[in-house]
Amino acid sequence: MYWLSGAESEKFVKSVEDAYEKIKREGPNPIKKLGINISEKKEESL
């Protein structure tokens, strides 16, 4: 979580870049490799 004011545009850009890099390092969602469709699982449980 980031706390920023409207005057901190450079800090905002840096926080977005940091978050993007973290997500990029994590790689693809491993659940997709298993072929599991989460929306189908939700419907089955209802």
Protein backbone atom coordinates (compact mmCIF):
# COMPACT_ATOMS: atom_id res chain seq x y z
CA MET A 1 0.00 0.00 0.00
CA TYR A 2 1.26 3.42 -0.87
CA TRP A 3 0.29 6.72 0.73
CA LEU A 4 0.68 9.61 -1.69
CA SER A 5 -0.64 13.10 -2.07
CA GLY A 6 -1.68 14.63 -5.38
CA ALA A 7 1.57 16.58 -5.45
CA GLU A 8 3.74 13.46 -5.43
CA SER A 9 3.51 12.45 -9.09
CA GLU A 10 7.12 11.25 -9.26
CA LYS A 11 6.57 9.05 -6.21
CA PHE A 12 3.37 7.71 -7.79
CA VAL A 13 5.19 6.78 -11.00
CA LYS A 14 7.92 5.04 -9.00
CA SER A 15 5.36 3.07 -6.97
CA VAL A 16 3.58 1.91 -10.15
CA GLU A 17 6.89 0.87 -11.70
CA ASP A 18 7.85 -1.03 -8.55
CA ALA A 19 4.49 -2.84 -8.45
CA TYR A 20 4.77 -3.70 -12.15
CA GLU A 21 8.26 -5.14 -11.69
CA LYS A 22 7.11 -7.23 -8.73
CA ILE A 23 4.21 -8.67 -10.73
CA LYS A 24 6.50 -9.29 -13.70
CA ARG A 25 8.96 -11.23 -11.49
CA GLU A 26 6.13 -13.42 -10.17
CA GLY A 27 5.38 -14.61 -13.69
CA PRO A 28 2.21 -16.16 -15.03
CA ASN A 29 -0.54 -17.37 -12.75
CA PRO A 30 0.30 -21.02 -11.91
CA ILE A 31 -3.39 -21.92 -11.72
CA LYS A 32 -3.71 -21.29 -15.46
CA LYS A 33 -1.05 -23.96 -16.09
CA LEU A 34 -3.25 -26.48 -14.27
CA GLY A 35 -6.17 -25.73 -16.58
CA ILE A 36 -8.44 -24.72 -13.71
CA ASN A 37 -11.16 -22.21 -14.52
CA ILE A 38 -12.01 -20.42 -11.27
CA SER A 39 -15.32 -19.04 -12.58
CA GLU A 40 -16.51 -22.61 -13.29
CA LYS A 41 -15.53 -23.67 -9.76
CA LYS A 42 -17.60 -20.82 -8.30
CA GLU A 43 -20.69 -21.91 -10.25
CA GLU A 44 -20.29 -25.52 -9.09
CA SER A 45 -20.20 -24.48 -5.45
CA LEU A 46 -23.46 -22.51 -5.70
